């Protein structure tokens, strides 16, 4: 079980997560956002999706979704997931820390 999750609240992005995972809450690597340079979102805060918390079926659905969304080869998407991860815009979600006594 992952102690750090985010719930995506932006309606459009939440619909994407619902399509991919069947839920809008996903595990993230850290409850502390970091800065990133993303297309259309310069100097923005993000959380990183915890890919290790996904099942193989969820990973497959994520790859298929991103392949369709960006019209990029599935093999390239799979490689980029491993190398770069999946950023989640901090402004679009609410972070939750479970078992706070372990962390704070």
PDB file of N, CA and C in Angstrom:
ATOM      1  N   UNK A   1       0.836  -1.185   0.000  1.00  0.00           N
ATOM      2  CA  UNK A   1       0.000   0.000   0.000  1.00  0.00           C
ATOM      3  C   UNK A   1       0.879   1.246   0.000  1.00  0.00           C
ATOM      4  N   UNK A   2       0.493   2.189  -0.806  1.00  0.00           N
ATOM      5  CA  UNK A   2       1.246   3.433  -0.896  1.00  0.00           C
ATOM      6  C   UNK A   2       0.647   4.455   0.061  1.00  0.00           C
ATOM      7  N   UNK A   3       1.492   5.147   0.765  1.00  0.00           N
ATOM      8  CA  UNK A   3       1.035   6.145   1.734  1.00  0.00           C
ATOM      9  C   UNK A   3       0.692   7.481   1.099  1.00  0.00           C
ATOM     10  N   UNK A   4       1.046   7.685  -0.163  1.00  0.00           N
ATOM     11  CA  UNK A   4       0.840   8.970  -0.820  1.00  0.00           C
ATOM     12  C   UNK A   4      -0.069   8.786  -2.032  1.00  0.00           C
ATOM     13  N   UNK A   5      -1.178   9.513  -2.050  1.00  0.00           N
ATOM     14  CA  UNK A   5      -2.087   9.455  -3.188  1.00  0.00           C
ATOM     15  C   UNK A   5      -2.510  10.873  -3.559  1.00  0.00           C
ATOM     16  N   UNK A   6      -2.970  10.994  -4.780  1.00  0.00           N
ATOM     17  CA  UNK A   6      -3.612  12.225  -5.222  1.00  0.00           C
ATOM     18  C   UNK A   6      -4.966  11.862  -5.814  1.00  0.00           C
ATOM     19  N   UNK A   7      -5.906  12.756  -5.626  1.00  0.00           N
ATOM     20  CA  UNK A   7      -7.209  12.634  -6.262  1.00  0.00           C
ATOM     21  C   UNK A   7      -7.316  13.772  -7.252  1.00  0.00           C
ATOM     22  N   UNK A   8      -7.475  13.418  -8.505  1.00  0.00           N
ATOM     23  CA  UNK A   8      -7.539  14.422  -9.567  1.00  0.00           C
ATOM     24  C   UNK A   8      -8.921  15.060  -9.538  1.00  0.00           C
ATOM     25  N   UNK A   9      -8.947  16.391  -9.441  1.00  0.00           N
ATOM     26  CA  UNK A   9     -10.207  17.119  -9.337  1.00  0.00           C
ATOM     27  C   UNK A   9     -10.552  17.927 -10.587  1.00  0.00           C
ATOM     28  N   UNK A  10      -9.586  18.150 -11.464  1.00  0.00           N
ATOM     29  CA  UNK A  10      -9.891  18.820 -12.719  1.00  0.00           C
ATOM     30  C   UNK A  10     -10.812  17.891 -13.519  1.00  0.00           C
ATOM     31  N   UNK A  11     -11.982  18.371 -13.932  1.00  0.00           N
ATOM     32  CA  UNK A  11     -12.967  17.481 -14.560  1.00  0.00           C
ATOM     33  C   UNK A  11     -12.452  16.721 -15.786  1.00  0.00           C
ATOM     34  N   UNK A  12     -11.748  17.403 -16.679  1.00  0.00           N
ATOM     35  CA  UNK A  12     -11.260  16.738 -17.885  1.00  0.00           C
ATOM     36  C   UNK A  12     -10.193  15.693 -17.554  1.00  0.00           C
ATOM     37  N   UNK A  13      -9.250  16.062 -16.705  1.00  0.00           N
ATOM     38  CA  UNK A  13      -8.189  15.124 -16.334  1.00  0.00           C
ATOM     39  C   UNK A  13      -8.745  13.981 -15.483  1.00  0.00           C
ATOM     40  N   UNK A  14      -9.703  14.293 -14.622  1.00  0.00           N
ATOM     41  CA  UNK A  14     -10.329  13.243 -13.814  1.00  0.00           C
ATOM     42  C   UNK A  14     -11.025  12.223 -14.721  1.00  0.00           C
ATOM     43  N   UNK A  15     -11.652  12.698 -15.775  1.00  0.00           N
ATOM     44  CA  UNK A  15     -12.305  11.786 -16.728  1.00  0.00           C
ATOM     45  C   UNK A  15     -11.272  10.872 -17.382  1.00  0.00           C
ATOM     46  N   UNK A  16     -10.094  11.414 -17.693  1.00  0.00           N
ATOM     47  CA  UNK A  16      -9.023  10.582 -18.266  1.00  0.00           C
ATOM     48  C   UNK A  16      -8.603   9.493 -17.289  1.00  0.00           C
ATOM     49  N   UNK A  17      -8.356   9.878 -16.023  1.00  0.00           N
ATOM     50  CA  UNK A  17      -7.931   8.884 -15.014  1.00  0.00           C
ATOM     51  C   UNK A  17      -9.021   7.835 -14.822  1.00  0.00           C
ATOM     52  N   UNK A  18     -10.282   8.273 -14.825  1.00  0.00           N
ATOM     53  CA  UNK A  18     -11.390   7.329 -14.670  1.00  0.00           C
ATOM     54  C   UNK A  18     -11.398   6.335 -15.830  1.00  0.00           C
ATOM     55  N   UNK A  19     -11.158   6.815 -17.041  1.00  0.00           N
ATOM     56  CA  UNK A  19     -11.113   5.947 -18.211  1.00  0.00           C
ATOM     57  C   UNK A  19      -9.969   4.934 -18.099  1.00  0.00           C
ATOM     58  N   UNK A  20      -8.810   5.400 -17.667  1.00  0.00           N
ATOM     59  CA  UNK A  20      -7.628   4.536 -17.599  1.00  0.00           C
ATOM     60  C   UNK A  20      -7.703   3.562 -16.430  1.00  0.00           C
ATOM     61  N   UNK A  21      -7.983   4.071 -15.236  1.00  0.00           N
ATOM     62  CA  UNK A  21      -7.853   3.276 -14.014  1.00  0.00           C
ATOM     63  C   UNK A  21      -9.172   2.897 -13.359  1.00  0.00           C
ATOM     64  N   UNK A  22     -10.271   3.501 -13.802  1.00  0.00           N
ATOM     65  CA  UNK A  22     -11.548   3.249 -13.156  1.00  0.00           C
ATOM     66  C   UNK A  22     -11.679   3.974 -11.830  1.00  0.00           C
ATOM     67  N   UNK A  23     -10.825   4.960 -11.618  1.00  0.00           N
ATOM     68  CA  UNK A  23     -10.845   5.770 -10.397  1.00  0.00           C
ATOM     69  C   UNK A  23     -10.088   7.068 -10.669  1.00  0.00           C
ATOM     70  N   UNK A  24     -10.260   8.036  -9.780  1.00  0.00           N
ATOM     71  CA  UNK A  24      -9.561   9.312  -9.931  1.00  0.00           C
ATOM     72  C   UNK A  24      -8.468   9.488  -8.885  1.00  0.00           C
ATOM     73  N   UNK A  25      -8.304   8.521  -8.002  1.00  0.00           N
ATOM     74  CA  UNK A  25      -7.244   8.560  -6.998  1.00  0.00           C
ATOM     75  C   UNK A  25      -6.167   7.557  -7.375  1.00  0.00           C
ATOM     76  N   UNK A  26      -4.916   8.039  -7.400  1.00  0.00           N
ATOM     77  CA  UNK A  26      -3.787   7.186  -7.768  1.00  0.00           C
ATOM     78  C   UNK A  26      -2.621   7.423  -6.816  1.00  0.00           C
ATOM     79  N   UNK A  27      -1.755   6.449  -6.707  1.00  0.00           N
ATOM     80  CA  UNK A  27      -0.572   6.562  -5.862  1.00  0.00           C
ATOM     81  C   UNK A  27       0.478   7.429  -6.543  1.00  0.00           C
ATOM     82  N   UNK A  28       1.166   8.226  -5.718  1.00  0.00           N
ATOM     83  CA  UNK A  28       2.271   9.051  -6.219  1.00  0.00           C
ATOM     84  C   UNK A  28       3.527   8.745  -5.406  1.00  0.00           C
ATOM     85  N   UNK A  29       4.666   9.116  -5.966  1.00  0.00           N
ATOM     86  CA  UNK A  29       5.950   8.804  -5.343  1.00  0.00           C
ATOM     87  C   UNK A  29       6.222   9.598  -4.076  1.00  0.00           C
ATOM     88  N   UNK A  30       5.709  10.814  -4.015  1.00  0.00           N
ATOM     89  CA  UNK A  30       5.997  11.699  -2.887  1.00  0.00           C
ATOM     90  C   UNK A  30       4.833  12.657  -2.684  1.00  0.00           C
ATOM     91  N   UNK A  31       4.572  13.056  -1.440  1.00  0.00           N
ATOM     92  CA  UNK A  31       3.525  14.044  -1.207  1.00  0.00           C
ATOM     93  C   UNK A  31       4.000  15.478  -1.428  1.00  0.00           C
ATOM     94  N   UNK A  32       5.260  15.610  -1.735  1.00  0.00           N
ATOM     95  CA  UNK A  32       5.852  16.933  -1.948  1.00  0.00           C
ATOM     96  C   UNK A  32       5.958  17.172  -3.456  1.00  0.00           C
ATOM     97  N   UNK A  33       5.274  18.183  -3.967  1.00  0.00           N
ATOM     98  CA  UNK A  33       5.367  18.441  -5.404  1.00  0.00           C
ATOM     99  C   UNK A  33       6.748  18.965  -5.778  1.00  0.00           C
ATOM    100  N   UNK A  34       7.110  18.732  -7.021  1.00  0.00           N
ATOM    101  CA  UNK A  34       8.375  19.280  -7.521  1.00  0.00           C
ATOM    102  C   UNK A  34       8.078  20.107  -8.760  1.00  0.00           C
ATOM    103  N   UNK A  35       9.037  20.906  -9.122  1.00  0.00           N
ATOM    104  CA  UNK A  35       8.878  21.780 -10.284  1.00  0.00           C
ATOM    105  C   UNK A  35       9.270  21.025 -11.560  1.00  0.00           C
ATOM    106  N   UNK A  36       8.564  21.366 -12.632  1.00  0.00           N
ATOM    107  CA  UNK A  36       8.853  20.734 -13.923  1.00  0.00           C
ATOM    108  C   UNK A  36       8.531  21.711 -15.042  1.00  0.00           C
ATOM    109  N   UNK A  37       9.128  21.463 -16.170  1.00  0.00           N
ATOM    110  CA  UNK A  37       8.845  22.190 -17.401  1.00  0.00           C
ATOM    111  C   UNK A  37       8.086  21.235 -18.314  1.00  0.00           C
ATOM    112  N   UNK A  38       6.803  21.475 -18.476  1.00  0.00           N
ATOM    113  CA  UNK A  38       5.974  20.625 -19.321  1.00  0.00           C
ATOM    114  C   UNK A  38       5.424  21.447 -20.475  1.00  0.00           C
ATOM    115  N   UNK A  39       5.160  20.816 -21.615  1.00  0.00           N
ATOM    116  CA  UNK A  39       4.564  21.561 -22.730  1.00  0.00           C
ATOM    117  C   UNK A  39       3.259  22.230 -22.297  1.00  0.00           C
ATOM    118  N   UNK A  40       3.194  23.529 -22.465  1.00  0.00           N
ATOM    119  CA  UNK A  40       2.007  24.284 -22.093  1.00  0.00           C
ATOM    120  C   UNK A  40       1.921  24.612 -20.610  1.00  0.00           C
ATOM    121  N   UNK A  41       2.884  24.126 -19.822  1.00  0.00           N
ATOM    122  CA  UNK A  41       2.888  24.361 -18.375  1.00  0.00           C
ATOM    123  C   UNK A  41       4.324  24.632 -17.911  1.00  0.00           C
ATOM    124  N   UNK A  42       4.868  25.787 -18.273  1.00  0.00           N
ATOM    125  CA  UNK A  42       6.236  26.078 -17.840  1.00  0.00           C
ATOM    126  C   UNK A  42       6.299  26.302 -16.329  1.00  0.00           C
ATOM    127  N   UNK A  43       7.370  25.877 -15.739  1.00  0.00           N
ATOM    128  CA  UNK A  43       7.635  26.068 -14.310  1.00  0.00           C
ATOM    129  C   UNK A  43       6.389  25.762 -13.468  1.00  0.00           C
ATOM    130  N   UNK A  44       5.932  24.543 -13.578  1.00  0.00           N
ATOM    131  CA  UNK A  44       4.734  24.119 -12.866  1.00  0.00           C
ATOM    132  C   UNK A  44       5.076  23.086 -11.806  1.00  0.00           C
ATOM    133  N   UNK A  45       4.212  22.918 -10.839  1.00  0.00           N
ATOM    134  CA  UNK A  45       4.408  21.915  -9.800  1.00  0.00           C
ATOM    135  C   UNK A  45       3.691  20.628 -10.193  1.00  0.00           C
ATOM    136  N   UNK A  46       4.370  19.511  -9.942  1.00  0.00           N
ATOM    137  CA  UNK A  46       3.814  18.202 -10.305  1.00  0.00           C
ATOM    138  C   UNK A  46       4.054  17.186  -9.195  1.00  0.00           C
ATOM    139  N   UNK A  47       3.252  16.150  -9.233  1.00  0.00           N
ATOM    140  CA  UNK A  47       3.509  14.909  -8.503  1.00  0.00           C
ATOM    141  C   UNK A  47       3.820  13.861  -9.564  1.00  0.00           C
ATOM    142  N   UNK A  48       4.570  12.850  -9.191  1.00  0.00           N
ATOM    143  CA  UNK A  48       4.885  11.778 -10.134  1.00  0.00           C
ATOM    144  C   UNK A  48       4.077  10.529  -9.783  1.00  0.00           C
ATOM    145  N   UNK A  49       3.367  10.006 -10.783  1.00  0.00           N
ATOM    146  CA  UNK A  49       2.607   8.785 -10.614  1.00  0.00           C
ATOM    147  C   UNK A  49       3.547   7.673 -10.158  1.00  0.00           C
ATOM    148  N   UNK A  50       3.126   6.883  -9.180  1.00  0.00           N
ATOM    149  CA  UNK A  50       3.916   5.745  -8.712  1.00  0.00           C
ATOM    150  C   UNK A  50       3.615   4.557  -9.616  1.00  0.00           C
ATOM    151  N   UNK A  51       4.429   4.383 -10.633  1.00  0.00           N
ATOM    152  CA  UNK A  51       4.208   3.311 -11.602  1.00  0.00           C
ATOM    153  C   UNK A  51       4.316   1.937 -10.966  1.00  0.00           C
ATOM    154  N   UNK A  52       5.091   1.805  -9.904  1.00  0.00           N
ATOM    155  CA  UNK A  52       5.227   0.517  -9.220  1.00  0.00           C
ATOM    156  C   UNK A  52       3.941   0.107  -8.521  1.00  0.00           C
ATOM    157  N   UNK A  53       3.062   1.048  -8.257  1.00  0.00           N
ATOM    158  CA  UNK A  53       1.795   0.751  -7.587  1.00  0.00           C
ATOM    159  C   UNK A  53       0.718   0.279  -8.565  1.00  0.00           C
ATOM    160  N   UNK A  54       0.996   0.357  -9.856  1.00  0.00           N
ATOM    161  CA  UNK A  54       0.030  -0.052 -10.871  1.00  0.00           C
ATOM    162  C   UNK A  54       0.129  -1.545 -11.139  1.00  0.00           C
ATOM    163  N   UNK A  55      -1.007  -2.143 -11.465  1.00  0.00           N
ATOM    164  CA  UNK A  55      -0.997  -3.530 -11.932  1.00  0.00           C
ATOM    165  C   UNK A  55      -0.522  -3.529 -13.381  1.00  0.00           C
ATOM    166  N   UNK A  56      -0.182  -4.695 -13.889  1.00  0.00           N
ATOM    167  CA  UNK A  56       0.249  -4.764 -15.292  1.00  0.00           C
ATOM    168  C   UNK A  56      -0.892  -4.373 -16.228  1.00  0.00           C
ATOM    169  N   UNK A  57      -2.124  -4.703 -15.853  1.00  0.00           N
ATOM    170  CA  UNK A  57      -3.273  -4.318 -16.676  1.00  0.00           C
ATOM    171  C   UNK A  57      -3.451  -2.796 -16.689  1.00  0.00           C
ATOM    172  N   UNK A  58      -3.260  -2.163 -15.533  1.00  0.00           N
ATOM    173  CA  UNK A  58      -3.366  -0.704 -15.469  1.00  0.00           C
ATOM    174  C   UNK A  58      -2.273  -0.042 -16.298  1.00  0.00           C
ATOM    175  N   UNK A  59      -1.080  -0.584 -16.222  1.00  0.00           N
ATOM    176  CA  UNK A  59       0.024  -0.044 -17.025  1.00  0.00           C
ATOM    177  C   UNK A  59      -0.285  -0.183 -18.505  1.00  0.00           C
ATOM    178  N   UNK A  60      -0.816  -1.336 -18.901  1.00  0.00           N
ATOM    179  CA  UNK A  60      -1.177  -1.551 -20.308  1.00  0.00           C
ATOM    180  C   UNK A  60      -2.238  -0.547 -20.757  1.00  0.00           C
ATOM    181  N   UNK A  61      -3.242  -0.304 -19.911  1.00  0.00           N
ATOM    182  CA  UNK A  61      -4.282   0.670 -20.266  1.00  0.00           C
ATOM    183  C   UNK A  61      -3.711   2.079 -20.353  1.00  0.00           C
ATOM    184  N   UNK A  62      -2.781   2.413 -19.452  1.00  0.00           N
ATOM    185  CA  UNK A  62      -2.137   3.723 -19.489  1.00  0.00           C
ATOM    186  C   UNK A  62      -1.360   3.895 -20.787  1.00  0.00           C
ATOM    187  N   UNK A  63      -0.588   2.901 -21.148  1.00  0.00           N
ATOM    188  CA  UNK A  63       0.192   2.961 -22.391  1.00  0.00           C
ATOM    189  C   UNK A  63      -0.739   3.095 -23.594  1.00  0.00           C
ATOM    190  N   UNK A  64      -1.801   2.312 -23.630  1.00  0.00           N
ATOM    191  CA  UNK A  64      -2.749   2.380 -24.753  1.00  0.00           C
ATOM    192  C   UNK A  64      -3.408   3.760 -24.831  1.00  0.00           C
ATOM    193  N   UNK A  65      -3.799   4.301 -23.690  1.00  0.00           N
ATOM    194  CA  UNK A  65      -4.431   5.621 -23.656  1.00  0.00           C
ATOM    195  C   UNK A  65      -3.474   6.691 -24.168  1.00  0.00           C
ATOM    196  N   UNK A  66      -2.245   6.685 -23.672  1.00  0.00           N
ATOM    197  CA  UNK A  66      -1.270   7.694 -24.095  1.00  0.00           C
ATOM    198  C   UNK A  66      -0.897   7.528 -25.556  1.00  0.00           C
ATOM    199  N   UNK A  67      -0.870   6.308 -26.039  1.00  0.00           N
ATOM    200  CA  UNK A  67      -0.593   6.055 -27.454  1.00  0.00           C
ATOM    201  C   UNK A  67      -1.661   6.712 -28.320  1.00  0.00           C
ATOM    202  N   UNK A  68      -2.925   6.517 -27.942  1.00  0.00           N
ATOM    203  CA  UNK A  68      -4.030   7.137 -28.701  1.00  0.00           C
ATOM    204  C   UNK A  68      -4.010   8.659 -28.557  1.00  0.00           C
ATOM    205  N   UNK A  69      -3.795   9.153 -27.343  1.00  0.00           N
ATOM    206  CA  UNK A  69      -3.868  10.589 -27.075  1.00  0.00           C
ATOM    207  C   UNK A  69      -2.799  11.361 -27.857  1.00  0.00           C
ATOM    208  N   UNK A  70      -1.571  10.834 -27.870  1.00  0.00           N
ATOM    209  CA  UNK A  70      -0.460  11.579 -28.465  1.00  0.00           C
ATOM    210  C   UNK A  70      -0.013  11.040 -29.817  1.00  0.00           C
ATOM    211  N   UNK A  71      -0.661   9.983 -30.285  1.00  0.00           N
ATOM    212  CA  UNK A  71      -0.323   9.389 -31.580  1.00  0.00           C
ATOM    213  C   UNK A  71       1.173   9.074 -31.671  1.00  0.00           C
ATOM    214  N   UNK A  72       1.665   8.419 -30.632  1.00  0.00           N
ATOM    215  CA  UNK A  72       3.067   7.999 -30.548  1.00  0.00           C
ATOM    216  C   UNK A  72       3.083   6.484 -30.433  1.00  0.00           C
ATOM    217  N   UNK A  73       4.086   5.856 -31.001  1.00  0.00           N
ATOM    218  CA  UNK A  73       4.181   4.395 -30.973  1.00  0.00           C
ATOM    219  C   UNK A  73       4.136   3.862 -29.542  1.00  0.00           C
ATOM    220  N   UNK A  74       3.436   2.762 -29.373  1.00  0.00           N
ATOM    221  CA  UNK A  74       3.296   2.145 -28.055  1.00  0.00           C
ATOM    222  C   UNK A  74       4.652   1.836 -27.418  1.00  0.00           C
ATOM    223  N   UNK A  75       5.581   1.370 -28.218  1.00  0.00           N
ATOM    224  CA  UNK A  75       6.919   1.051 -27.677  1.00  0.00           C
ATOM    225  C   UNK A  75       7.620   2.309 -27.161  1.00  0.00           C
ATOM    226  N   UNK A  76       7.419   3.428 -27.840  1.00  0.00           N
ATOM    227  CA  UNK A  76       8.013   4.692 -27.384  1.00  0.00           C
ATOM    228  C   UNK A  76       7.362   5.170 -26.091  1.00  0.00           C
ATOM    229  N   UNK A  77       6.041   5.021 -26.000  1.00  0.00           N
ATOM    230  CA  UNK A  77       5.335   5.404 -24.772  1.00  0.00           C
ATOM    231  C   UNK A  77       5.831   4.550 -23.613  1.00  0.00           C
ATOM    232  N   UNK A  78       5.917   3.238 -23.809  1.00  0.00           N
ATOM    233  CA  UNK A  78       6.371   2.332 -22.740  1.00  0.00           C
ATOM    234  C   UNK A  78       7.784   2.698 -22.288  1.00  0.00           C
ATOM    235  N   UNK A  79       8.655   3.011 -23.232  1.00  0.00           N
ATOM    236  CA  UNK A  79      10.029   3.407 -22.904  1.00  0.00           C
ATOM    237  C   UNK A  79      10.038   4.714 -22.116  1.00  0.00           C
ATOM    238  N   UNK A  80       9.270   5.685 -22.587  1.00  0.00           N
ATOM    239  CA  UNK A  80       9.233   6.988 -21.917  1.00  0.00           C
ATOM    240  C   UNK A  80       8.647   6.885 -20.509  1.00  0.00           C
ATOM    241  N   UNK A  81       7.679   6.004 -20.311  1.00  0.00           N
ATOM    242  CA  UNK A  81       7.143   5.802 -18.968  1.00  0.00           C
ATOM    243  C   UNK A  81       8.250   5.341 -18.024  1.00  0.00           C
ATOM    244  N   UNK A  82       9.023   4.367 -18.475  1.00  0.00           N
ATOM    245  CA  UNK A  82      10.114   3.847 -17.636  1.00  0.00           C
ATOM    246  C   UNK A  82      11.184   4.906 -17.386  1.00  0.00           C
ATOM    247  N   UNK A  83      11.518   5.682 -18.399  1.00  0.00           N
ATOM    248  CA  UNK A  83      12.615   6.645 -18.289  1.00  0.00           C
ATOM    249  C   UNK A  83      12.200   7.970 -17.645  1.00  0.00           C
ATOM    250  N   UNK A  84      10.989   8.431 -17.932  1.00  0.00           N
ATOM    251  CA  UNK A  84      10.587   9.775 -17.504  1.00  0.00           C
ATOM    252  C   UNK A  84       9.448   9.787 -16.489  1.00  0.00           C
ATOM    253  N   UNK A  85       8.662   8.739 -16.438  1.00  0.00           N
ATOM    254  CA  UNK A  85       7.537   8.689 -15.534  1.00  0.00           C
ATOM    255  C   UNK A  85       6.332   9.448 -16.063  1.00  0.00           C
ATOM    256  N   UNK A  86       5.342   9.622 -15.178  1.00  0.00           N
ATOM    257  CA  UNK A  86       4.106  10.290 -15.552  1.00  0.00           C
ATOM    258  C   UNK A  86       3.853  11.438 -14.570  1.00  0.00           C
ATOM    259  N   UNK A  87       3.965  12.674 -15.043  1.00  0.00           N
ATOM    260  CA  UNK A  87       3.690  13.813 -14.163  1.00  0.00           C
ATOM    261  C   UNK A  87       2.192  14.048 -14.035  1.00  0.00           C
ATOM    262  N   UNK A  88       1.797  14.505 -12.858  1.00  0.00           N
ATOM    263  CA  UNK A  88       0.410  14.881 -12.589  1.00  0.00           C
ATOM    264  C   UNK A  88       0.448  16.317 -12.087  1.00  0.00           C
ATOM    265  N   UNK A  89      -0.256  17.202 -12.753  1.00  0.00           N
ATOM    266  CA  UNK A  89      -0.238  18.615 -12.372  1.00  0.00           C
ATOM    267  C   UNK A  89      -0.776  18.793 -10.954  1.00  0.00           C
ATOM    268  N   UNK A  90       0.011  19.407 -10.100  1.00  0.00           N
ATOM    269  CA  UNK A  90      -0.368  19.594  -8.698  1.00  0.00           C
ATOM    270  C   UNK A  90      -1.624  20.452  -8.565  1.00  0.00           C
ATOM    271  N   UNK A  91      -1.799  21.422  -9.447  1.00  0.00           N
ATOM    272  CA  UNK A  91      -2.976  22.292  -9.380  1.00  0.00           C
ATOM    273  C   UNK A  91      -4.271  21.553  -9.687  1.00  0.00           C
ATOM    274  N   UNK A  92      -4.161  20.363 -10.298  1.00  0.00           N
ATOM    275  CA  UNK A  92      -5.341  19.608 -10.710  1.00  0.00           C
ATOM    276  C   UNK A  92      -5.761  18.551  -9.704  1.00  0.00           C
ATOM    277  N   UNK A  93      -5.100  18.511  -8.527  1.00  0.00           N
ATOM    278  CA  UNK A  93      -5.396  17.410  -7.619  1.00  0.00           C
ATOM    279  C   UNK A  93      -5.227  17.792  -6.155  1.00  0.00           C
ATOM    280  N   UNK A  94      -5.676  16.882  -5.310  1.00  0.00           N
ATOM    281  CA  UNK A  94      -5.529  17.002  -3.868  1.00  0.00           C
ATOM    282  C   UNK A  94      -4.686  15.829  -3.405  1.00  0.00           C
ATOM    283  N   UNK A  95      -3.645  16.101  -2.615  1.00  0.00           N
ATOM    284  CA  UNK A  95      -2.767  15.035  -2.130  1.00  0.00           C
ATOM    285  C   UNK A  95      -3.243  14.567  -0.761  1.00  0.00           C
ATOM    286  N   UNK A  96      -3.096  13.273  -0.513  1.00  0.00           N
ATOM    287  CA  UNK A  96      -3.437  12.681   0.771  1.00  0.00           C
ATOM    288  C   UNK A  96      -2.255  11.854   1.259  1.00  0.00           C
ATOM    289  N   UNK A  97      -1.928  12.002   2.531  1.00  0.00           N
ATOM    290  CA  UNK A  97      -0.866  11.207   3.155  1.00  0.00           C
ATOM    291  C   UNK A  97      -1.522  10.295   4.184  1.00  0.00           C
ATOM    292  N   UNK A  98      -1.437   9.009   3.966  1.00  0.00           N
ATOM    293  CA  UNK A  98      -1.939   8.040   4.933  1.00  0.00           C
ATOM    294  C   UNK A  98      -0.843   7.746   5.948  1.00  0.00           C
ATOM    295  N   UNK A  99      -1.236   7.344   7.128  1.00  0.00           N
ATOM    296  CA  UNK A  99      -0.264   7.001   8.188  1.00  0.00           C
ATOM    297  C   UNK A  99       0.726   8.137   8.396  1.00  0.00           C
ATOM    298  N   UNK A 100       0.197   9.310   8.621  1.00  0.00           N
ATOM    299  CA  UNK A 100       1.015  10.514   8.754  1.00  0.00           C
ATOM    300  C   UNK A 100       2.059  10.393   9.859  1.00  0.00           C
ATOM    301  N   UNK A 101       1.794   9.592  10.877  1.00  0.00           N
ATOM    302  CA  UNK A 101       2.749   9.433  11.964  1.00  0.00           C
ATOM    303  C   UNK A 101       4.088   8.866  11.485  1.00  0.00           C
ATOM    304  N   UNK A 102       4.081   8.171  10.364  1.00  0.00           N
ATOM    305  CA  UNK A 102       5.335   7.652   9.807  1.00  0.00           C
ATOM    306  C   UNK A 102       6.165   8.743   9.148  1.00  0.00           C
ATOM    307  N   UNK A 103       5.512   9.801   8.719  1.00  0.00           N
ATOM    308  CA  UNK A 103       6.186  10.787   7.883  1.00  0.00           C
ATOM    309  C   UNK A 103       6.377  12.138   8.537  1.00  0.00           C
ATOM    310  N   UNK A 104       5.532  12.478   9.501  1.00  0.00           N
ATOM    311  CA  UNK A 104       5.615  13.825  10.068  1.00  0.00           C
ATOM    312  C   UNK A 104       5.820  13.755  11.568  1.00  0.00           C
TER     313      UNK A 104
END
